[in-house]
Each structure stands twice: as C-alpha cells, then as structure tokens.
Amino acid sequence: MFLPMALVSLLLFPALGDHGAVRNAHYRVGRWILNIRTDRFADERTCRLSRPGVTYERQALVFHLPPRLDTTTAIYRIDDAPPVAARNDLMQLAHLGFALQNDDLANPSEGLVRIPADRLASARTVKIEARAFSHPFTFKIDGFGAAKVLAEKVGCPSVGGKVTSESR
C-alpha cells in the first residue's frame, strides 16, 4: 500500500503537525497590556504586564529611560509626594530578586529605575530625574492596580514570571 508523502511525514513526525501547543492571549486595561503565553506541552504560562516605557517584574515597576543614562543617582516623585532617592529602594529590590547592578562599570543601571509596586498601586504619575538638575522623565501609570487585579483573575498571580500548574 502506498501512502502519500505528507501523511507519512505526519505519522513519523507528529510534533510538526501540532500547532496548538503554544497559545498567546492579550488583554488591555487602559494603556496596560497583559500578554499571556501558555505552553500546554510544558504546562507553563508566562505573563507579562507592561505599558510604553514601563514593565512590571517581580513585584516592582521597571521604568525604562534611555539606556545611555546612568540612573544610579536617580530621584523619583510619585504623583505630588516628596521626592525619593531610587537608591533608598535597593535593599527591598534585592530582596525581590533584582541584581543591584550589571557588569558595565561605566553605566551599571542601563537607564533602568525600579520602584517597588507596593508604593504605586493607586499612583497616576511617576516623574524621574536621572541625575541632579536634569529634566525629569514623566511616566503615566494610572490603571496599574486594575491591570494587576485582571492579571490575577485570568491566572497570572506572579506577573513577570512563569506559572506552572503547581503554583496556580
């Protein structure tokens, strides 16, 4: 009996015909976007919550300034609250699993400023001055609390990381 070549390849290589092993889903809350990638074969789900210039990782918001800027002496202001030196958060960020710097001695921050999310649940705006007397960068983060609640509702309790069936 002669089988068509396409059928033979599907029988010999069944994984080539299985395109449904990975699924992607996207949700929006204002300008926040929740991307969920589910790998059914590995039983893993990766969730990423972000908006332009900001990502949510390990219980902190990461603000992306131009990578050439050294933000090790950055100061930020949440809404109209008093300014805070970003270095004041270093111990809490280390506890959350962030490296305090990278291997680039000229610019160990790579233009990133991380702020623990517990300070930002109801905030609308964060202004960051990368160095003294420089023009501040303004980031609108309104809706972050609602986006985080949505992430938990759709099965992403730890946004910014992998979720397996054991941790769901």
N, C-alpha and C. Protein backbone atom coordinates (compact mmCIF):
# COMPACT_ATOMS: atom_id res chain seq x y z
N MET A 1 0.82 -1.18 0.00
CA MET A 1 0.00 0.00 0.00
C MET A 1 0.87 1.25 0.00
N PHE A 2 0.53 2.20 -0.81
CA PHE A 2 1.32 3.42 -0.94
C PHE A 2 0.62 4.57 -0.22
N LEU A 3 1.30 5.18 0.74
CA LEU A 3 0.75 6.33 1.46
C LEU A 3 1.35 7.62 0.90
N PRO A 4 0.55 8.66 0.76
CA PRO A 4 1.10 9.94 0.30
C PRO A 4 2.20 10.42 1.25
N MET A 5 3.20 11.10 0.69
CA MET A 5 4.36 11.55 1.45
C MET A 5 3.96 12.45 2.63
N ALA A 6 2.97 13.33 2.46
CA ALA A 6 2.54 14.22 3.54
C ALA A 6 2.01 13.43 4.73
N LEU A 7 1.26 12.37 4.45
CA LEU A 7 0.71 11.54 5.52
C LEU A 7 1.82 10.78 6.24
N VAL A 8 2.80 10.30 5.49
CA VAL A 8 3.94 9.61 6.09
C VAL A 8 4.69 10.55 7.03
N SER A 9 4.92 11.78 6.60
CA SER A 9 5.65 12.72 7.45
C SER A 9 4.86 13.05 8.72
N LEU A 10 3.54 13.14 8.62
CA LEU A 10 2.73 13.41 9.82
C LEU A 10 2.77 12.23 10.78
N LEU A 11 2.81 11.02 10.27
CA LEU A 11 2.87 9.84 11.12
C LEU A 11 4.25 9.71 11.78
N LEU A 12 5.29 10.03 11.03
CA LEU A 12 6.64 9.90 11.57
C LEU A 12 7.03 11.07 12.47
N PHE A 13 6.51 12.26 12.18
CA PHE A 13 6.86 13.48 12.93
C PHE A 13 5.59 14.17 13.40
N PRO A 14 4.89 13.61 14.39
CA PRO A 14 3.60 14.19 14.80
C PRO A 14 3.73 15.59 15.37
N ALA A 15 4.87 15.96 15.96
CA ALA A 15 5.01 17.29 16.55
C ALA A 15 4.95 18.37 15.49
N LEU A 16 5.34 18.05 14.26
CA LEU A 16 5.30 19.05 13.20
C LEU A 16 3.87 19.45 12.86
N GLY A 17 2.92 18.57 13.09
CA GLY A 17 1.54 18.88 12.80
C GLY A 17 0.79 19.49 13.97
N ASP A 18 1.40 19.57 15.15
CA ASP A 18 0.72 20.09 16.34
C ASP A 18 1.07 21.57 16.54
N HIS A 19 0.23 22.43 15.98
CA HIS A 19 0.49 23.87 16.10
C HIS A 19 -0.23 24.49 17.29
N GLY A 20 -0.97 23.71 18.04
CA GLY A 20 -1.74 24.26 19.15
C GLY A 20 -1.07 24.12 20.50
N ALA A 21 0.22 23.80 20.54
CA ALA A 21 0.89 23.59 21.82
C ALA A 21 1.14 24.90 22.58
N VAL A 22 1.26 26.00 21.85
CA VAL A 22 1.50 27.30 22.48
C VAL A 22 0.38 28.24 22.09
N ARG A 23 -0.19 28.90 23.10
CA ARG A 23 -1.25 29.87 22.85
C ARG A 23 -0.86 31.21 23.42
N ASN A 24 -1.24 32.26 22.72
CA ASN A 24 -1.00 33.62 23.19
C ASN A 24 -2.33 34.32 23.41
N ALA A 25 -2.42 35.08 24.49
CA ALA A 25 -3.61 35.88 24.77
C ALA A 25 -3.16 37.28 25.19
N HIS A 26 -3.96 38.27 24.83
CA HIS A 26 -3.63 39.65 25.16
C HIS A 26 -4.86 40.32 25.76
N TYR A 27 -4.66 41.04 26.85
CA TYR A 27 -5.73 41.80 27.49
C TYR A 27 -5.25 43.23 27.65
N ARG A 28 -6.19 44.17 27.62
CA ARG A 28 -5.87 45.58 27.81
C ARG A 28 -6.66 46.16 28.97
N VAL A 29 -5.98 46.98 29.77
CA VAL A 29 -6.63 47.80 30.78
C VAL A 29 -6.04 49.19 30.60
N GLY A 30 -6.79 50.07 29.95
CA GLY A 30 -6.24 51.37 29.61
C GLY A 30 -5.05 51.17 28.67
N ARG A 31 -3.89 51.71 29.03
CA ARG A 31 -2.68 51.53 28.22
C ARG A 31 -1.84 50.34 28.69
N TRP A 32 -2.28 49.67 29.74
CA TRP A 32 -1.57 48.48 30.22
C TRP A 32 -1.95 47.30 29.35
N ILE A 33 -0.97 46.47 29.00
CA ILE A 33 -1.20 45.28 28.19
C ILE A 33 -0.69 44.06 28.95
N LEU A 34 -1.56 43.07 29.08
CA LEU A 34 -1.19 41.81 29.71
C LEU A 34 -1.05 40.77 28.61
N ASN A 35 0.17 40.27 28.41
CA ASN A 35 0.44 39.22 27.44
C ASN A 35 0.61 37.91 28.19
N ILE A 36 -0.13 36.90 27.76
CA ILE A 36 -0.05 35.59 28.38
C ILE A 36 0.33 34.58 27.30
N ARG A 37 1.39 33.87 27.55
CA ARG A 37 1.85 32.82 26.62
C ARG A 37 1.75 31.50 27.38
N THR A 38 0.93 30.59 26.86
CA THR A 38 0.70 29.30 27.51
C THR A 38 1.31 28.20 26.66
N ASP A 39 2.18 27.42 27.27
CA ASP A 39 2.78 26.26 26.63
C ASP A 39 2.12 25.04 27.25
N ARG A 40 1.17 24.45 26.53
CA ARG A 40 0.42 23.31 27.08
C ARG A 40 1.30 22.09 27.24
N PHE A 41 2.30 21.92 26.37
CA PHE A 41 3.18 20.76 26.48
C PHE A 41 3.98 20.81 27.77
N ALA A 42 4.58 21.96 28.08
CA ALA A 42 5.40 22.09 29.29
C ALA A 42 4.56 22.45 30.51
N ASP A 43 3.26 22.69 30.31
CA ASP A 43 2.36 23.09 31.38
C ASP A 43 2.89 24.34 32.08
N GLU A 44 3.23 25.35 31.28
CA GLU A 44 3.74 26.60 31.80
C GLU A 44 2.99 27.77 31.19
N ARG A 45 2.89 28.82 31.96
CA ARG A 45 2.29 30.06 31.50
C ARG A 45 3.24 31.20 31.87
N THR A 46 3.55 32.04 30.89
CA THR A 46 4.40 33.21 31.12
C THR A 46 3.53 34.44 30.95
N CYS A 47 3.53 35.31 31.95
CA CYS A 47 2.70 36.50 31.94
C CYS A 47 3.59 37.74 31.97
N ARG A 48 3.23 38.74 31.16
CA ARG A 48 4.00 39.98 31.12
C ARG A 48 3.02 41.14 31.11
N LEU A 49 3.17 42.04 32.08
CA LEU A 49 2.33 43.22 32.19
C LEU A 49 3.20 44.43 31.90
N SER A 50 2.77 45.26 30.93
CA SER A 50 3.59 46.41 30.55
C SER A 50 2.73 47.50 29.93
N ARG A 51 3.34 48.63 29.78
CA ARG A 51 2.81 49.75 29.01
C ARG A 51 4.02 50.47 28.46
N PRO A 52 3.88 51.39 27.53
CA PRO A 52 5.06 52.02 26.94
C PRO A 52 6.01 52.59 27.99
N GLY A 53 7.24 52.11 27.99
CA GLY A 53 8.27 52.61 28.89
C GLY A 53 8.29 52.01 30.28
N VAL A 54 7.33 51.11 30.59
CA VAL A 54 7.23 50.55 31.94
C VAL A 54 6.88 49.06 31.85
N THR A 55 7.58 48.24 32.65
CA THR A 55 7.21 46.83 32.77
C THR A 55 7.05 46.49 34.25
N TYR A 56 6.22 45.49 34.51
CA TYR A 56 6.02 45.02 35.88
C TYR A 56 6.77 43.71 36.02
N GLU A 57 7.72 43.68 36.93
CA GLU A 57 8.54 42.49 37.15
C GLU A 57 8.77 42.30 38.64
N ARG A 58 8.63 41.08 39.12
CA ARG A 58 8.99 40.71 40.49
C ARG A 58 8.48 41.71 41.54
N GLN A 59 7.26 42.10 41.44
CA GLN A 59 6.63 43.00 42.41
C GLN A 59 7.22 44.41 42.39
N ALA A 60 7.73 44.83 41.23
CA ALA A 60 8.26 46.19 41.08
C ALA A 60 7.93 46.68 39.68
N LEU A 61 7.78 48.00 39.55
CA LEU A 61 7.66 48.59 38.23
C LEU A 61 9.05 49.00 37.79
N VAL A 62 9.39 48.66 36.55
CA VAL A 62 10.70 48.99 35.99
C VAL A 62 10.47 50.05 34.92
N PHE A 63 11.07 51.21 35.13
CA PHE A 63 10.93 52.35 34.23
C PHE A 63 12.14 52.36 33.31
N HIS A 64 11.87 52.44 32.01
CA HIS A 64 12.92 52.36 31.00
C HIS A 64 13.22 53.76 30.47
N LEU A 65 14.33 54.33 30.92
CA LEU A 65 14.83 55.59 30.39
C LEU A 65 15.82 55.25 29.29
N PRO A 66 16.33 56.21 28.56
CA PRO A 66 17.33 55.88 27.53
C PRO A 66 18.48 55.08 28.14
N PRO A 67 18.89 53.99 27.50
CA PRO A 67 19.90 53.09 28.09
C PRO A 67 21.25 53.75 28.33
N ARG A 68 21.55 54.84 27.65
CA ARG A 68 22.83 55.52 27.86
C ARG A 68 22.87 56.29 29.17
N LEU A 69 21.71 56.55 29.77
CA LEU A 69 21.66 57.32 31.02
C LEU A 69 22.05 56.45 32.21
N ASP A 70 22.88 57.00 33.05
CA ASP A 70 23.22 56.33 34.31
C ASP A 70 22.21 56.82 35.34
N THR A 71 21.40 55.92 35.86
CA THR A 71 20.34 56.29 36.80
C THR A 71 20.67 55.89 38.24
N THR A 72 21.94 55.66 38.52
CA THR A 72 22.30 55.22 39.88
C THR A 72 22.03 56.31 40.92
N THR A 73 21.95 57.56 40.52
CA THR A 73 21.64 58.64 41.47
C THR A 73 20.26 59.23 41.20
N ALA A 74 19.40 58.48 40.52
CA ALA A 74 18.07 58.98 40.16
C ALA A 74 17.21 59.29 41.39
N ILE A 75 16.32 60.24 41.19
CA ILE A 75 15.33 60.62 42.20
C ILE A 75 13.97 60.54 41.52
N TYR A 76 12.98 60.00 42.23
CA TYR A 76 11.65 59.93 41.63
C TYR A 76 10.62 60.58 42.56
N ARG A 77 9.51 60.96 41.95
CA ARG A 77 8.40 61.56 42.67
C ARG A 77 7.12 60.87 42.20
N ILE A 78 6.35 60.32 43.14
CA ILE A 78 5.09 59.66 42.83
C ILE A 78 3.97 60.66 43.03
N ASP A 79 3.22 60.94 41.96
CA ASP A 79 2.19 61.98 41.97
C ASP A 79 2.79 63.27 42.55
N ASP A 80 2.21 63.80 43.62
CA ASP A 80 2.72 65.04 44.20
C ASP A 80 3.44 64.80 45.52
N ALA A 81 3.85 63.58 45.78
CA ALA A 81 4.55 63.25 47.03
C ALA A 81 5.97 63.80 47.00
N PRO A 82 6.62 63.85 48.15
CA PRO A 82 8.00 64.33 48.19
C PRO A 82 8.92 63.41 47.37
N PRO A 83 10.05 63.94 46.89
CA PRO A 83 10.97 63.12 46.10
C PRO A 83 11.64 62.04 46.94
N VAL A 84 11.98 60.94 46.28
CA VAL A 84 12.63 59.79 46.92
C VAL A 84 13.85 59.41 46.09
N ALA A 85 14.97 59.18 46.74
CA ALA A 85 16.15 58.70 46.03
C ALA A 85 15.95 57.23 45.69
N ALA A 86 16.16 56.88 44.44
CA ALA A 86 15.97 55.49 44.00
C ALA A 86 16.87 54.53 44.77
N ARG A 87 18.01 54.98 45.22
CA ARG A 87 18.93 54.10 45.97
C ARG A 87 18.33 53.68 47.32
N ASN A 88 17.33 54.41 47.81
CA ASN A 88 16.67 54.03 49.07
C ASN A 88 15.91 52.71 48.94
N ASP A 89 15.59 52.30 47.72
CA ASP A 89 14.83 51.07 47.48
C ASP A 89 15.73 49.86 47.23
N LEU A 90 17.04 50.04 47.20
CA LEU A 90 17.93 48.95 46.78
C LEU A 90 17.80 47.69 47.62
N MET A 91 17.70 47.81 48.93
CA MET A 91 17.60 46.60 49.76
C MET A 91 16.29 45.86 49.51
N GLN A 92 15.19 46.58 49.38
CA GLN A 92 13.91 45.94 49.10
C GLN A 92 13.94 45.28 47.71
N LEU A 93 14.56 45.96 46.73
CA LEU A 93 14.65 45.39 45.39
C LEU A 93 15.54 44.14 45.37
N ALA A 94 16.62 44.16 46.13
CA ALA A 94 17.48 42.97 46.22
C ALA A 94 16.70 41.81 46.83
N HIS A 95 15.87 42.11 47.82
CA HIS A 95 15.02 41.09 48.45
C HIS A 95 14.03 40.51 47.44
N LEU A 96 13.59 41.33 46.48
CA LEU A 96 12.66 40.88 45.45
C LEU A 96 13.37 40.10 44.34
N GLY A 97 14.70 40.04 44.39
CA GLY A 97 15.44 39.25 43.42
C GLY A 97 16.12 40.02 42.31
N PHE A 98 16.16 41.34 42.41
CA PHE A 98 16.83 42.14 41.40
C PHE A 98 18.32 42.23 41.69
N ALA A 99 19.13 42.20 40.64
CA ALA A 99 20.56 42.47 40.78
C ALA A 99 20.70 43.97 41.01
N LEU A 100 21.58 44.36 41.87
CA LEU A 100 21.74 45.78 42.18
C LEU A 100 22.45 46.54 41.07
N GLN A 101 23.25 45.86 40.26
CA GLN A 101 23.88 46.48 39.11
C GLN A 101 24.31 45.39 38.14
N ASN A 102 24.67 45.81 36.93
CA ASN A 102 25.17 44.84 35.96
C ASN A 102 26.69 44.94 35.89
N ASP A 103 27.29 44.32 34.90
CA ASP A 103 28.75 44.29 34.81
C ASP A 103 29.37 45.50 34.13
N ASP A 104 28.56 46.42 33.63
CA ASP A 104 29.08 47.61 32.95
C ASP A 104 29.47 48.65 33.99
N LEU A 105 30.76 48.84 34.19
CA LEU A 105 31.23 49.79 35.21
C LEU A 105 30.93 51.23 34.85
N ALA A 106 30.86 51.55 33.56
CA ALA A 106 30.58 52.92 33.13
C ALA A 106 29.11 53.29 33.35
N ASN A 107 28.21 52.33 33.22
CA ASN A 107 26.78 52.60 33.39
C ASN A 107 26.10 51.34 33.92
N PRO A 108 26.21 51.08 35.22
CA PRO A 108 25.64 49.84 35.78
C PRO A 108 24.11 49.79 35.78
N SER A 109 23.44 50.91 35.57
CA SER A 109 21.97 50.92 35.63
C SER A 109 21.30 50.70 34.29
N GLU A 110 21.99 50.94 33.19
CA GLU A 110 21.45 50.81 31.83
C GLU A 110 20.16 51.61 31.62
N GLY A 111 20.00 52.71 32.34
CA GLY A 111 18.83 53.55 32.16
C GLY A 111 17.57 53.03 32.82
N LEU A 112 17.69 52.06 33.71
CA LEU A 112 16.51 51.50 34.38
C LEU A 112 16.37 52.07 35.78
N VAL A 113 15.13 52.32 36.18
CA VAL A 113 14.81 52.71 37.55
C VAL A 113 13.70 51.78 38.01
N ARG A 114 13.93 51.11 39.13
CA ARG A 114 12.94 50.15 39.67
C ARG A 114 12.35 50.71 40.94
N ILE A 115 11.01 50.60 41.04
CA ILE A 115 10.31 51.08 42.22
C ILE A 115 9.40 49.95 42.70
N PRO A 116 9.47 49.58 43.98
CA PRO A 116 8.59 48.53 44.49
C PRO A 116 7.12 48.87 44.23
N ALA A 117 6.37 47.89 43.75
CA ALA A 117 4.98 48.11 43.33
C ALA A 117 4.07 48.49 44.49
N ASP A 118 4.41 48.09 45.71
CA ASP A 118 3.52 48.42 46.84
C ASP A 118 3.42 49.93 47.05
N ARG A 119 4.33 50.71 46.51
CA ARG A 119 4.26 52.17 46.61
C ARG A 119 3.39 52.79 45.53
N LEU A 120 3.01 51.98 44.52
CA LEU A 120 2.43 52.55 43.30
C LEU A 120 1.02 52.09 42.96
N ALA A 121 0.37 51.33 43.83
CA ALA A 121 -0.93 50.73 43.49
C ALA A 121 -1.97 51.75 43.02
N SER A 122 -2.05 52.90 43.65
CA SER A 122 -3.05 53.89 43.26
C SER A 122 -2.43 55.14 42.62
N ALA A 123 -1.17 55.07 42.27
CA ALA A 123 -0.49 56.23 41.68
C ALA A 123 -0.95 56.46 40.25
N ARG A 124 -0.83 57.71 39.82
CA ARG A 124 -1.18 58.07 38.45
C ARG A 124 0.05 58.42 37.62
N THR A 125 1.03 59.05 38.26
CA THR A 125 2.19 59.54 37.53
C THR A 125 3.46 59.34 38.35
N VAL A 126 4.55 59.00 37.67
CA VAL A 126 5.87 58.94 38.29
C VAL A 126 6.79 59.81 37.45
N LYS A 127 7.47 60.73 38.13
CA LYS A 127 8.47 61.57 37.46
C LYS A 127 9.83 61.15 37.97
N ILE A 128 10.78 60.98 37.04
CA ILE A 128 12.11 60.51 37.40
C ILE A 128 13.15 61.49 36.85
N GLU A 129 13.99 61.95 37.77
CA GLU A 129 15.13 62.79 37.38
C GLU A 129 16.36 61.88 37.44
N ALA A 130 16.94 61.59 36.28
CA ALA A 130 18.04 60.63 36.21
C ALA A 130 19.27 61.11 36.98
N ARG A 131 19.55 62.38 36.94
CA ARG A 131 20.65 62.96 37.72
C ARG A 131 20.25 64.37 38.12
N ALA A 132 20.92 64.91 39.11
CA ALA A 132 20.56 66.22 39.66
C ALA A 132 20.51 67.30 38.58
N PHE A 133 19.50 68.11 38.67
CA PHE A 133 19.30 69.28 37.81
C PHE A 133 19.05 68.92 36.34
N SER A 134 18.65 67.68 36.08
CA SER A 134 18.31 67.30 34.70
C SER A 134 16.79 67.33 34.53
N HIS A 135 16.35 67.36 33.30
CA HIS A 135 14.92 67.38 33.01
C HIS A 135 14.30 66.04 33.41
N PRO A 136 13.20 66.04 34.18
CA PRO A 136 12.59 64.77 34.61
C PRO A 136 11.82 64.09 33.47
N PHE A 137 11.82 62.77 33.51
CA PHE A 137 11.00 61.95 32.61
C PHE A 137 9.68 61.69 33.33
N THR A 138 8.58 61.79 32.60
CA THR A 138 7.26 61.57 33.20
C THR A 138 6.64 60.30 32.62
N PHE A 139 6.18 59.44 33.53
CA PHE A 139 5.53 58.18 33.14
C PHE A 139 4.13 58.16 33.74
N LYS A 140 3.14 57.96 32.90
CA LYS A 140 1.77 57.81 33.39
C LYS A 140 1.56 56.32 33.68
N ILE A 141 1.13 56.01 34.89
CA ILE A 141 0.94 54.60 35.27
C ILE A 141 -0.48 54.34 35.78
N ASP A 142 -1.40 55.30 35.55
CA ASP A 142 -2.77 55.11 36.01
C ASP A 142 -3.33 53.80 35.45
N GLY A 143 -4.11 53.13 36.25
CA GLY A 143 -4.70 51.85 35.87
C GLY A 143 -3.85 50.65 36.24
N PHE A 144 -2.68 50.87 36.83
CA PHE A 144 -1.80 49.75 37.18
C PHE A 144 -2.49 48.79 38.15
N GLY A 145 -3.15 49.31 39.18
CA GLY A 145 -3.83 48.46 40.16
C GLY A 145 -4.88 47.58 39.50
N ALA A 146 -5.68 48.16 38.60
CA ALA A 146 -6.71 47.40 37.91
C ALA A 146 -6.10 46.35 36.98
N ALA A 147 -4.99 46.68 36.34
CA ALA A 147 -4.32 45.72 35.45
C ALA A 147 -3.76 44.54 36.25
N LYS A 148 -3.25 44.83 37.43
CA LYS A 148 -2.71 43.78 38.28
C LYS A 148 -3.83 42.85 38.77
N VAL A 149 -4.98 43.42 39.11
CA VAL A 149 -6.15 42.61 39.52
C VAL A 149 -6.60 41.73 38.36
N LEU A 150 -6.65 42.27 37.15
CA LEU A 150 -7.02 41.47 35.98
C LEU A 150 -6.05 40.31 35.79
N ALA A 151 -4.76 40.57 35.95
CA ALA A 151 -3.76 39.52 35.80
C ALA A 151 -4.03 38.37 36.76
N GLU A 152 -4.36 38.69 38.00
CA GLU A 152 -4.65 37.65 38.98
C GLU A 152 -5.92 36.89 38.62
N LYS A 153 -6.94 37.60 38.09
CA LYS A 153 -8.21 36.96 37.73
C LYS A 153 -8.05 35.97 36.59
N VAL A 154 -7.16 36.25 35.65
CA VAL A 154 -7.00 35.36 34.49
C VAL A 154 -5.90 34.33 34.69
N GLY A 155 -5.42 34.19 35.92
CA GLY A 155 -4.48 33.11 36.22
C GLY A 155 -3.02 33.47 36.18
N CYS A 156 -2.70 34.73 36.40
CA CYS A 156 -1.30 35.16 36.43
C CYS A 156 -0.98 35.78 37.79
N PRO A 157 -0.92 34.96 38.84
CA PRO A 157 -0.67 35.53 40.17
C PRO A 157 0.72 36.14 40.30
N SER A 158 1.69 35.66 39.52
CA SER A 158 3.03 36.24 39.59
C SER A 158 3.40 36.77 38.22
N VAL A 159 2.90 37.94 37.89
CA VAL A 159 3.17 38.55 36.60
C VAL A 159 4.67 38.80 36.49
N GLY A 160 5.20 38.56 35.31
CA GLY A 160 6.61 38.77 35.09
C GLY A 160 7.43 37.50 35.28
N GLY A 161 6.76 36.39 35.47
CA GLY A 161 7.47 35.13 35.66
C GLY A 161 6.66 33.98 35.11
N LYS A 162 7.17 32.80 35.28
CA LYS A 162 6.49 31.61 34.79
C LYS A 162 5.58 31.05 35.88
N VAL A 163 4.44 30.56 35.46
CA VAL A 163 3.47 29.95 36.36
C VAL A 163 3.26 28.52 35.90
N THR A 164 3.47 27.55 36.76
CA THR A 164 3.22 26.16 36.41
C THR A 164 1.94 25.71 37.10
N SER A 165 1.47 24.53 36.77
CA SER A 165 0.21 24.05 37.36
C SER A 165 0.34 23.91 38.87
N GLU A 166 1.54 23.65 39.39
CA GLU A 166 1.72 23.52 40.84
C GLU A 166 1.55 24.87 41.55
N SER A 167 1.90 25.97 40.85
CA SER A 167 1.84 27.29 41.51
C SER A 167 0.54 28.02 41.25
N ARG A 168 -0.34 27.45 40.40
CA ARG A 168 -1.62 28.10 40.11
C ARG A 168 -2.64 27.83 41.18
